[in-house]
């Protein structure tokens, strides 16, 4: 079982710790605030109140043996940013291999990277980007990013696709996206195509019906151009 240390139990850290624990992972939750610890005592493997800038205190709780450490210390007030930096340094010196640091802006992220964070998390920036894309391209149900600017996305076939073949639609030629997979939608039974059926190798002659679920791959820019109706 992988061991995770979540340090800083604000909104981000608390939700992350609980989500990891619910997934079956061993989670050690750390914060200086007694109330934050008491709220998580029954929801994670171990919740302890300590100052994460104290390297010896971290070692006493076995944090040096954690597979992954995530620093979610708030940086907006007081000495939060300084504490987060010192915590990253401590974890690096202790030999923790995977250190994720939550940053509130790009400058903070650069600092975390330079002092030893293996990856930087930007919850606010990433959330804003997801919502911007969702508003611009509401036809995209969800997407998986696999390279910067490129994704595998799920879309519901619009009415304009109904009854047309893959060749008719010319998704690659018109939109520069590739059709990877089809899951028959709610109207498939009416058309005798089999609701829920998976077509994992769409052929040029494969017919697409309205509300079929299509998995398509391409650049985020091109995916946003797919028709909504």
C-alpha atoms as a PDB file:
ATOM      1  CA  UNK A   1       0.000   0.000   0.000  1.00  0.00           C
ATOM      2  CA  UNK A   2       1.339   3.411  -0.959  1.00  0.00           C
ATOM      3  CA  UNK A   3       1.840   5.932   1.816  1.00  0.00           C
ATOM      4  CA  UNK A   4       0.871   9.563   1.246  1.00  0.00           C
ATOM      5  CA  UNK A   5       1.688  12.506   3.478  1.00  0.00           C
ATOM      6  CA  UNK A   6      -0.638  15.484   3.055  1.00  0.00           C
ATOM      7  CA  UNK A   7       0.778  18.559   4.754  1.00  0.00           C
ATOM      8  CA  UNK A   8      -1.508  21.553   5.191  1.00  0.00           C
ATOM      9  CA  UNK A   9      -5.197  20.830   5.657  1.00  0.00           C
ATOM     10  CA  UNK A  10      -6.966  23.788   4.137  1.00  0.00           C
ATOM     11  CA  UNK A  11      -9.730  23.242   1.580  1.00  0.00           C
ATOM     12  CA  UNK A  12      -7.386  21.641  -0.944  1.00  0.00           C
ATOM     13  CA  UNK A  13      -5.372  19.513   1.487  1.00  0.00           C
ATOM     14  CA  UNK A  14      -8.399  18.277   3.421  1.00  0.00           C
ATOM     15  CA  UNK A  15     -10.309  17.180   0.305  1.00  0.00           C
ATOM     16  CA  UNK A  16      -7.204  15.537  -1.147  1.00  0.00           C
ATOM     17  CA  UNK A  17      -6.431  13.626   2.047  1.00  0.00           C
ATOM     18  CA  UNK A  18      -9.980  12.309   2.316  1.00  0.00           C
ATOM     19  CA  UNK A  19     -10.106  11.354  -1.371  1.00  0.00           C
ATOM     20  CA  UNK A  20      -6.826   9.441  -1.111  1.00  0.00           C
ATOM     21  CA  UNK A  21      -7.996   7.646   2.030  1.00  0.00           C
ATOM     22  CA  UNK A  22     -11.300   6.696   0.403  1.00  0.00           C
ATOM     23  CA  UNK A  23      -9.292   5.152  -2.437  1.00  0.00           C
ATOM     24  CA  UNK A  24      -7.660   2.807   0.051  1.00  0.00           C
ATOM     25  CA  UNK A  25      -4.307   4.548   0.440  1.00  0.00           C
ATOM     26  CA  UNK A  26      -2.483   5.056   3.717  1.00  0.00           C
ATOM     27  CA  UNK A  27      -2.686   8.773   4.458  1.00  0.00           C
ATOM     28  CA  UNK A  28      -0.834  10.769   7.096  1.00  0.00           C
ATOM     29  CA  UNK A  29      -2.464  14.195   7.456  1.00  0.00           C
ATOM     30  CA  UNK A  30      -0.421  17.012   9.012  1.00  0.00           C
ATOM     31  CA  UNK A  31      -1.294  20.537  10.084  1.00  0.00           C
ATOM     32  CA  UNK A  32      -0.386  22.987  12.858  1.00  0.00           C
ATOM     33  CA  UNK A  33      -4.066  23.685  13.531  1.00  0.00           C
ATOM     34  CA  UNK A  34      -5.648  21.427  16.155  1.00  0.00           C
ATOM     35  CA  UNK A  35      -9.177  21.851  14.771  1.00  0.00           C
ATOM     36  CA  UNK A  36      -8.085  20.802  11.271  1.00  0.00           C
ATOM     37  CA  UNK A  37      -6.531  17.634  12.708  1.00  0.00           C
ATOM     38  CA  UNK A  38      -9.568  16.781  14.818  1.00  0.00           C
ATOM     39  CA  UNK A  39     -11.845  17.032  11.767  1.00  0.00           C
ATOM     40  CA  UNK A  40      -9.807  14.379   9.927  1.00  0.00           C
ATOM     41  CA  UNK A  41      -8.916  12.011  12.746  1.00  0.00           C
ATOM     42  CA  UNK A  42     -11.520   9.417  11.751  1.00  0.00           C
ATOM     43  CA  UNK A  43     -11.140   9.860   7.994  1.00  0.00           C
ATOM     44  CA  UNK A  44      -7.442   9.134   7.375  1.00  0.00           C
ATOM     45  CA  UNK A  45      -4.911   6.588   8.606  1.00  0.00           C
ATOM     46  CA  UNK A  46      -3.194   9.047  10.914  1.00  0.00           C
ATOM     47  CA  UNK A  47      -3.700  12.752  11.636  1.00  0.00           C
ATOM     48  CA  UNK A  48      -1.053  14.609  13.604  1.00  0.00           C
ATOM     49  CA  UNK A  49      -0.531  18.192  14.713  1.00  0.00           C
ATOM     50  CA  UNK A  50       3.002  19.423  14.112  1.00  0.00           C
ATOM     51  CA  UNK A  51       5.094  22.108  12.459  1.00  0.00           C
ATOM     52  CA  UNK A  52       6.262  20.789   9.077  1.00  0.00           C
ATOM     53  CA  UNK A  53       9.251  23.137   9.092  1.00  0.00           C
ATOM     54  CA  UNK A  54      10.660  20.947  11.888  1.00  0.00           C
ATOM     55  CA  UNK A  55      12.531  18.149  10.117  1.00  0.00           C
ATOM     56  CA  UNK A  56      12.938  16.039  13.241  1.00  0.00           C
ATOM     57  CA  UNK A  57       9.217  16.202  13.957  1.00  0.00           C
ATOM     58  CA  UNK A  58       8.511  14.969  10.438  1.00  0.00           C
ATOM     59  CA  UNK A  59      10.963  12.093  10.812  1.00  0.00           C
ATOM     60  CA  UNK A  60       9.381  11.130  14.151  1.00  0.00           C
ATOM     61  CA  UNK A  61       6.109  10.544  12.280  1.00  0.00           C
ATOM     62  CA  UNK A  62       7.807   8.476   9.568  1.00  0.00           C
ATOM     63  CA  UNK A  63       7.285  11.052   6.832  1.00  0.00           C
ATOM     64  CA  UNK A  64      10.730  10.205   5.467  1.00  0.00           C
ATOM     65  CA  UNK A  65       9.263   6.814   4.504  1.00  0.00           C
ATOM     66  CA  UNK A  66       6.311   8.291   2.583  1.00  0.00           C
ATOM     67  CA  UNK A  67       6.073   7.396  -1.101  1.00  0.00           C
ATOM     68  CA  UNK A  68       4.514  10.752  -1.940  1.00  0.00           C
ATOM     69  CA  UNK A  69       4.239  14.021  -0.038  1.00  0.00           C
ATOM     70  CA  UNK A  70       1.833  16.798  -0.986  1.00  0.00           C
ATOM     71  CA  UNK A  71       2.241  20.268   0.472  1.00  0.00           C
ATOM     72  CA  UNK A  72      -1.038  22.166   0.513  1.00  0.00           C
ATOM     73  CA  UNK A  73      -0.061  24.897   2.983  1.00  0.00           C
ATOM     74  CA  UNK A  74      -1.969  28.128   2.384  1.00  0.00           C
ATOM     75  CA  UNK A  75       0.273  30.930   1.121  1.00  0.00           C
ATOM     76  CA  UNK A  76      -1.998  33.943   1.181  1.00  0.00           C
ATOM     77  CA  UNK A  77      -1.436  35.131   4.730  1.00  0.00           C
ATOM     78  CA  UNK A  78       1.269  35.154   7.391  1.00  0.00           C
ATOM     79  CA  UNK A  79       4.338  32.984   6.786  1.00  0.00           C
ATOM     80  CA  UNK A  80       2.544  30.312   4.797  1.00  0.00           C
ATOM     81  CA  UNK A  81       4.721  30.619   1.703  1.00  0.00           C
ATOM     82  CA  UNK A  82       7.930  30.510   3.723  1.00  0.00           C
ATOM     83  CA  UNK A  83       6.670  27.478   5.642  1.00  0.00           C
ATOM     84  CA  UNK A  84       5.780  25.695   2.412  1.00  0.00           C
ATOM     85  CA  UNK A  85       9.265  26.329   0.991  1.00  0.00           C
ATOM     86  CA  UNK A  86      10.983  25.063   4.144  1.00  0.00           C
ATOM     87  CA  UNK A  87       8.743  22.002   4.130  1.00  0.00           C
ATOM     88  CA  UNK A  88       9.755  21.161   0.550  1.00  0.00           C
ATOM     89  CA  UNK A  89      13.419  21.548   1.502  1.00  0.00           C
ATOM     90  CA  UNK A  90      12.970  19.298   4.552  1.00  0.00           C
ATOM     91  CA  UNK A  91      11.245  16.597   2.516  1.00  0.00           C
ATOM     92  CA  UNK A  92      13.963  16.694  -0.135  1.00  0.00           C
ATOM     93  CA  UNK A  93      16.702  16.385   2.488  1.00  0.00           C
ATOM     94  CA  UNK A  94      14.841  13.489   4.092  1.00  0.00           C
ATOM     95  CA  UNK A  95      14.875  11.612   0.795  1.00  0.00           C
ATOM     96  CA  UNK A  96      11.161  11.694  -0.107  1.00  0.00           C
ATOM     97  CA  UNK A  97      11.167  10.922  -3.827  1.00  0.00           C
ATOM     98  CA  UNK A  98       7.861  12.448  -4.942  1.00  0.00           C
ATOM     99  CA  UNK A  99       7.076  15.918  -3.616  1.00  0.00           C
ATOM    100  CA  UNK A 100       4.060  17.822  -4.909  1.00  0.00           C
ATOM    101  CA  UNK A 101       3.636  21.448  -3.890  1.00  0.00           C
ATOM    102  CA  UNK A 102       0.457  23.490  -4.259  1.00  0.00           C
ATOM    103  CA  UNK A 103       1.205  26.944  -5.656  1.00  0.00           C
ATOM    104  CA  UNK A 104      -1.115  29.911  -5.897  1.00  0.00           C
ATOM    105  CA  UNK A 105       0.697  31.448  -8.873  1.00  0.00           C
ATOM    106  CA  UNK A 106       3.420  30.706 -11.408  1.00  0.00           C
ATOM    107  CA  UNK A 107       6.148  32.559  -9.502  1.00  0.00           C
ATOM    108  CA  UNK A 108       5.506  30.489  -6.378  1.00  0.00           C
ATOM    109  CA  UNK A 109       5.574  27.375  -8.550  1.00  0.00           C
ATOM    110  CA  UNK A 110       8.999  28.277  -9.947  1.00  0.00           C
ATOM    111  CA  UNK A 111      10.337  28.719  -6.420  1.00  0.00           C
ATOM    112  CA  UNK A 112       8.984  25.323  -5.332  1.00  0.00           C
ATOM    113  CA  UNK A 113      10.584  23.645  -8.343  1.00  0.00           C
ATOM    114  CA  UNK A 114      13.953  25.224  -7.607  1.00  0.00           C
ATOM    115  CA  UNK A 115      14.001  24.118  -3.971  1.00  0.00           C
ATOM    116  CA  UNK A 116      13.132  20.511  -4.751  1.00  0.00           C
ATOM    117  CA  UNK A 117       9.453  19.943  -5.592  1.00  0.00           C
ATOM    118  CA  UNK A 118       9.154  17.237  -8.251  1.00  0.00           C
ATOM    119  CA  UNK A 119       5.832  18.631  -9.437  1.00  0.00           C
ATOM    120  CA  UNK A 120       3.795  21.773  -8.828  1.00  0.00           C
ATOM    121  CA  UNK A 121      -0.001  21.798  -8.518  1.00  0.00           C
ATOM    122  CA  UNK A 122      -1.948  24.906  -9.529  1.00  0.00           C
ATOM    123  CA  UNK A 123      -5.540  24.198  -8.377  1.00  0.00           C
ATOM    124  CA  UNK A 124      -6.903  27.693  -9.006  1.00  0.00           C
ATOM    125  CA  UNK A 125      -5.232  28.114 -12.399  1.00  0.00           C
ATOM    126  CA  UNK A 126      -6.132  24.607 -13.561  1.00  0.00           C
ATOM    127  CA  UNK A 127      -9.737  24.993 -12.399  1.00  0.00           C
ATOM    128  CA  UNK A 128     -10.082  28.301 -14.232  1.00  0.00           C
ATOM    129  CA  UNK A 129      -8.629  26.787 -17.405  1.00  0.00           C
ATOM    130  CA  UNK A 130     -11.022  23.814 -17.240  1.00  0.00           C
ATOM    131  CA  UNK A 131     -14.004  26.084 -16.782  1.00  0.00           C
ATOM    132  CA  UNK A 132     -12.909  28.410 -19.574  1.00  0.00           C
ATOM    133  CA  UNK A 133     -12.666  25.445 -21.945  1.00  0.00           C
ATOM    134  CA  UNK A 134     -15.995  24.067 -20.724  1.00  0.00           C
ATOM    135  CA  UNK A 135     -17.682  27.388 -21.419  1.00  0.00           C
ATOM    136  CA  UNK A 136     -16.068  27.774 -24.828  1.00  0.00           C
ATOM    137  CA  UNK A 137     -16.681  24.162 -25.878  1.00  0.00           C
ATOM    138  CA  UNK A 138     -19.727  22.852 -23.958  1.00  0.00           C
ATOM    139  CA  UNK A 139     -20.013  19.931 -26.400  1.00  0.00           C
ATOM    140  CA  UNK A 140     -16.906  18.392 -24.811  1.00  0.00           C
ATOM    141  CA  UNK A 141     -18.157  16.240 -21.941  1.00  0.00           C
ATOM    142  CA  UNK A 142     -14.734  15.503 -20.465  1.00  0.00           C
ATOM    143  CA  UNK A 143     -11.189  15.234 -21.696  1.00  0.00           C
ATOM    144  CA  UNK A 144      -7.928  13.592 -20.744  1.00  0.00           C
ATOM    145  CA  UNK A 145      -4.814  15.664 -21.350  1.00  0.00           C
ATOM    146  CA  UNK A 146      -1.935  13.560 -22.674  1.00  0.00           C
ATOM    147  CA  UNK A 147       0.376  16.349 -23.890  1.00  0.00           C
ATOM    148  CA  UNK A 148       0.332  20.105 -23.600  1.00  0.00           C
ATOM    149  CA  UNK A 149      -2.512  21.340 -25.785  1.00  0.00           C
ATOM    150  CA  UNK A 150      -3.622  17.838 -26.881  1.00  0.00           C
ATOM    151  CA  UNK A 151      -6.381  15.685 -25.422  1.00  0.00           C
ATOM    152  CA  UNK A 152      -8.582  12.638 -25.732  1.00  0.00           C
ATOM    153  CA  UNK A 153     -12.151  13.947 -25.393  1.00  0.00           C
ATOM    154  CA  UNK A 154     -15.650  12.559 -25.006  1.00  0.00           C
ATOM    155  CA  UNK A 155     -18.431  14.227 -26.990  1.00  0.00           C
ATOM    156  CA  UNK A 156     -22.077  13.428 -27.579  1.00  0.00           C
ATOM    157  CA  UNK A 157     -22.831  13.185 -31.302  1.00  0.00           C
ATOM    158  CA  UNK A 158     -24.980  16.193 -32.268  1.00  0.00           C
ATOM    159  CA  UNK A 159     -28.096  16.057 -34.459  1.00  0.00           C
ATOM    160  CA  UNK A 160     -26.025  17.113 -37.477  1.00  0.00           C
ATOM    161  CA  UNK A 161     -24.125  13.778 -37.244  1.00  0.00           C
ATOM    162  CA  UNK A 162     -27.254  11.607 -37.195  1.00  0.00           C
ATOM    163  CA  UNK A 163     -27.305   8.870 -39.836  1.00  0.00           C
ATOM    164  CA  UNK A 164     -23.986   9.857 -41.368  1.00  0.00           C
ATOM    165  CA  UNK A 165     -21.039   7.546 -41.804  1.00  0.00           C
ATOM    166  CA  UNK A 166     -17.534   8.197 -40.572  1.00  0.00           C
ATOM    167  CA  UNK A 167     -16.570   8.866 -44.180  1.00  0.00           C
ATOM    168  CA  UNK A 168     -19.429  11.349 -44.588  1.00  0.00           C
ATOM    169  CA  UNK A 169     -18.386  13.319 -41.515  1.00  0.00           C
ATOM    170  CA  UNK A 170     -14.691  13.585 -42.513  1.00  0.00           C
ATOM    171  CA  UNK A 171     -13.686  14.535 -38.991  1.00  0.00           C
ATOM    172  CA  UNK A 172      -9.988  14.340 -39.771  1.00  0.00           C
ATOM    173  CA  UNK A 173     -10.222  16.419 -42.924  1.00  0.00           C
ATOM    174  CA  UNK A 174     -12.649  19.055 -41.596  1.00  0.00           C
ATOM    175  CA  UNK A 175     -11.602  19.364 -37.959  1.00  0.00           C
ATOM    176  CA  UNK A 176      -8.152  17.706 -37.738  1.00  0.00           C
ATOM    177  CA  UNK A 177      -9.365  15.257 -35.058  1.00  0.00           C
ATOM    178  CA  UNK A 178      -9.302  11.473 -35.021  1.00  0.00           C
ATOM    179  CA  UNK A 179     -12.263   9.278 -34.080  1.00  0.00           C
ATOM    180  CA  UNK A 180     -11.019   6.589 -31.690  1.00  0.00           C
ATOM    181  CA  UNK A 181     -14.118   4.828 -30.361  1.00  0.00           C
ATOM    182  CA  UNK A 182     -17.937   4.914 -30.440  1.00  0.00           C
ATOM    183  CA  UNK A 183     -20.406   3.975 -27.717  1.00  0.00           C
ATOM    184  CA  UNK A 184     -23.970   3.687 -28.972  1.00  0.00           C
ATOM    185  CA  UNK A 185     -26.289   6.224 -27.341  1.00  0.00           C
ATOM    186  CA  UNK A 186     -29.856   6.320 -26.103  1.00  0.00           C
ATOM    187  CA  UNK A 187     -31.424   6.375 -29.579  1.00  0.00           C
ATOM    188  CA  UNK A 188     -29.471   3.363 -30.801  1.00  0.00           C
ATOM    189  CA  UNK A 189     -32.206   0.838 -29.996  1.00  0.00           C
ATOM    190  CA  UNK A 190     -34.674   2.751 -32.152  1.00  0.00           C
ATOM    191  CA  UNK A 191     -32.236   2.419 -35.017  1.00  0.00           C
ATOM    192  CA  UNK A 192     -31.422  -1.228 -34.205  1.00  0.00           C
ATOM    193  CA  UNK A 193     -27.809  -0.356 -33.503  1.00  0.00           C
ATOM    194  CA  UNK A 194     -27.678  -1.641 -29.913  1.00  0.00           C
ATOM    195  CA  UNK A 195     -27.620   0.858 -27.035  1.00  0.00           C
ATOM    196  CA  UNK A 196     -24.341   0.767 -25.121  1.00  0.00           C
ATOM    197  CA  UNK A 197     -22.538  -1.216 -27.806  1.00  0.00           C
ATOM    198  CA  UNK A 198     -18.862  -0.347 -28.133  1.00  0.00           C
ATOM    199  CA  UNK A 199     -17.274   0.053 -31.551  1.00  0.00           C
ATOM    200  CA  UNK A 200     -13.558   0.162 -30.846  1.00  0.00           C
ATOM    201  CA  UNK A 201     -12.483   0.246 -34.495  1.00  0.00           C
ATOM    202  CA  UNK A 202     -14.803   2.651 -36.342  1.00  0.00           C
ATOM    203  CA  UNK A 203     -14.712   1.981 -40.075  1.00  0.00           C
ATOM    204  CA  UNK A 204     -15.383   4.497 -42.882  1.00  0.00           C
ATOM    205  CA  UNK A 205     -18.790   2.857 -43.390  1.00  0.00           C
ATOM    206  CA  UNK A 206     -19.746   2.961 -39.666  1.00  0.00           C
ATOM    207  CA  UNK A 207     -22.923   4.966 -39.156  1.00  0.00           C
ATOM    208  CA  UNK A 208     -23.095   7.483 -36.306  1.00  0.00           C
ATOM    209  CA  UNK A 209     -26.375   8.402 -34.627  1.00  0.00           C
ATOM    210  CA  UNK A 210     -27.398  11.408 -32.570  1.00  0.00           C
ATOM    211  CA  UNK A 211     -26.344  11.033 -28.903  1.00  0.00           C
ATOM    212  CA  UNK A 212     -23.756   8.352 -29.624  1.00  0.00           C
ATOM    213  CA  UNK A 213     -20.720   8.906 -27.393  1.00  0.00           C
ATOM    214  CA  UNK A 214     -17.615   9.575 -29.453  1.00  0.00           C
ATOM    215  CA  UNK A 215     -14.048   9.473 -28.188  1.00  0.00           C
ATOM    216  CA  UNK A 216     -11.950  11.784 -30.308  1.00  0.00           C
ATOM    217  CA  UNK A 217      -8.317  12.871 -30.126  1.00  0.00           C
ATOM    218  CA  UNK A 218      -6.703  16.067 -31.260  1.00  0.00           C
ATOM    219  CA  UNK A 219      -5.511  19.486 -30.203  1.00  0.00           C
ATOM    220  CA  UNK A 220      -7.672  21.388 -27.730  1.00  0.00           C
ATOM    221  CA  UNK A 221      -8.029  24.137 -30.322  1.00  0.00           C
ATOM    222  CA  UNK A 222      -9.387  21.746 -32.952  1.00  0.00           C
ATOM    223  CA  UNK A 223     -11.621  19.846 -30.513  1.00  0.00           C
ATOM    224  CA  UNK A 224     -13.332  23.105 -29.562  1.00  0.00           C
ATOM    225  CA  UNK A 225     -14.359  23.552 -33.212  1.00  0.00           C
ATOM    226  CA  UNK A 226     -16.477  20.393 -33.304  1.00  0.00           C
ATOM    227  CA  UNK A 227     -20.165  21.230 -33.861  1.00  0.00           C
ATOM    228  CA  UNK A 228     -22.527  21.521 -30.916  1.00  0.00           C
ATOM    229  CA  UNK A 229     -25.755  20.894 -32.827  1.00  0.00           C
END
